[in-house]
């Protein structure tokens, strides 16, 4: 009885194609919207003394930071930049509103001249 020759060695499976990695907007893979939220929140905080700049920038920073946190969680990257933007935006908004209230309280609206 003859035995059949052993089968030829199997070739290794073909290599998987490289996966597509989109270019990250930051060195740490942070979404660009999180960085924009941080910048707007920080500017809102720094310019809170100028109420007409501080309030809009703080609100924009809060909205962008919340959106950036959600996108960072979806990507599985850290949310530090967006969280910092959110904190700066909230503090800037509160400070600007406080300064606005103090300014209104110290304004006399009397129109009578003596």
Protein backbone atom coordinates (compact mmCIF):
# COMPACT_ATOMS: atom_id res chain seq x y z
CA UNK A 1 0.00 0.00 0.00
CA UNK A 2 1.35 3.30 -0.99
CA UNK A 3 0.85 6.38 1.05
CA UNK A 4 0.12 9.67 -0.59
CA UNK A 5 2.72 12.40 -0.31
CA UNK A 6 2.13 14.97 2.41
CA UNK A 7 0.31 18.10 1.29
CA UNK A 8 2.49 21.10 0.52
CA UNK A 9 2.95 23.52 3.37
CA UNK A 10 0.19 26.06 3.46
CA UNK A 11 1.10 29.60 2.71
CA UNK A 12 0.49 32.21 5.40
CA UNK A 13 -2.77 34.09 5.12
CA UNK A 14 -2.54 37.33 3.17
CA UNK A 15 -1.77 40.38 5.25
CA UNK A 16 -4.74 42.52 6.15
CA UNK A 17 -4.87 45.85 4.33
CA UNK A 18 -3.80 48.78 6.46
CA UNK A 19 -6.71 50.41 8.21
CA UNK A 20 -7.56 53.96 7.28
CA UNK A 21 -6.77 56.39 10.06
CA UNK A 22 -8.13 59.90 9.52
CA UNK A 23 -5.74 62.70 10.27
CA UNK A 24 -6.25 63.99 13.78
CA UNK A 25 -6.75 67.68 14.34
CA UNK A 26 -4.55 67.75 17.41
CA UNK A 27 -1.51 65.93 18.64
CA UNK A 28 -3.61 63.97 21.10
CA UNK A 29 -6.42 63.10 18.69
CA UNK A 30 -8.79 65.70 20.13
CA UNK A 31 -11.68 66.65 17.85
CA UNK A 32 -11.26 70.10 16.35
CA UNK A 33 -14.54 71.22 17.84
CA UNK A 34 -13.20 70.48 21.34
CA UNK A 35 -10.19 72.69 20.67
CA UNK A 36 -12.44 75.44 19.31
CA UNK A 37 -14.59 75.14 22.43
CA UNK A 38 -11.53 75.54 24.63
CA UNK A 39 -10.34 78.60 22.72
CA UNK A 40 -13.76 80.29 22.80
CA UNK A 41 -14.28 79.43 26.46
CA UNK A 42 -10.87 80.79 27.41
CA UNK A 43 -11.40 83.98 25.40
CA UNK A 44 -14.83 84.36 26.99
CA UNK A 45 -13.24 84.10 30.42
CA UNK A 46 -10.42 86.51 29.62
CA UNK A 47 -12.77 89.02 27.99
CA UNK A 48 -15.57 88.72 30.54
CA UNK A 49 -14.87 92.28 31.72
CA UNK A 50 -16.04 93.41 28.27
CA UNK A 51 -19.59 92.08 28.61
CA UNK A 52 -20.49 92.35 24.92
CA UNK A 53 -17.60 90.07 23.98
CA UNK A 54 -17.45 87.87 27.07
CA UNK A 55 -21.05 86.66 27.05
CA UNK A 56 -21.23 85.53 23.39
CA UNK A 57 -17.77 83.94 23.45
CA UNK A 58 -18.57 82.10 26.67
CA UNK A 59 -21.86 80.77 25.29
CA UNK A 60 -20.19 79.65 22.06
CA UNK A 61 -17.40 78.02 24.10
CA UNK A 62 -19.93 76.13 26.23
CA UNK A 63 -21.85 74.82 23.21
CA UNK A 64 -18.71 73.81 21.31
CA UNK A 65 -17.18 72.18 24.39
CA UNK A 66 -20.26 70.05 25.06
CA UNK A 67 -20.29 68.95 21.43
CA UNK A 68 -16.54 68.32 21.55
CA UNK A 69 -16.86 66.18 24.69
CA UNK A 70 -19.49 64.03 23.00
CA UNK A 71 -17.35 63.56 19.89
CA UNK A 72 -14.26 62.78 21.96
CA UNK A 73 -16.17 60.10 23.86
CA UNK A 74 -17.35 58.61 20.55
CA UNK A 75 -13.75 58.46 19.32
CA UNK A 76 -12.51 57.06 22.59
CA UNK A 77 -10.03 59.87 23.23
CA UNK A 78 -9.65 62.07 26.29
CA UNK A 79 -12.10 64.85 26.99
CA UNK A 80 -9.70 67.14 28.85
CA UNK A 81 -9.58 69.94 26.29
CA UNK A 82 -13.36 70.10 25.98
CA UNK A 83 -13.83 69.94 29.75
CA UNK A 84 -11.39 72.81 30.24
CA UNK A 85 -13.28 74.82 27.62
CA UNK A 86 -16.57 74.06 29.35
CA UNK A 87 -15.24 75.17 32.74
CA UNK A 88 -13.71 78.36 31.31
CA UNK A 89 -16.90 79.14 29.40
CA UNK A 90 -19.15 78.69 32.44
CA UNK A 91 -16.87 80.78 34.69
CA UNK A 92 -16.59 83.46 32.00
CA UNK A 93 -20.37 83.58 31.54
CA UNK A 94 -21.06 83.82 35.27
CA UNK A 95 -18.40 86.50 35.70
CA UNK A 96 -19.67 88.54 32.73
CA UNK A 97 -23.26 88.34 33.97
CA UNK A 98 -22.14 89.33 37.46
CA UNK A 99 -20.25 92.33 36.12
CA UNK A 100 -23.27 93.28 34.00
CA UNK A 101 -25.54 93.12 37.05
CA UNK A 102 -23.12 95.22 39.11
CA UNK A 103 -22.91 97.77 36.31
CA UNK A 104 -26.68 98.01 36.01
CA UNK A 105 -27.08 98.31 39.79
CA UNK A 106 -24.59 101.19 39.94
CA UNK A 107 -26.19 103.10 37.10
CA UNK A 108 -28.56 105.89 37.99
CA UNK A 109 -31.41 106.21 35.55
CA UNK A 110 -32.74 109.54 36.78
CA UNK A 111 -33.26 112.04 34.00
CA UNK A 112 -34.03 115.05 36.14
CA UNK A 113 -31.41 117.76 36.12
CA UNK A 114 -31.10 120.14 39.04
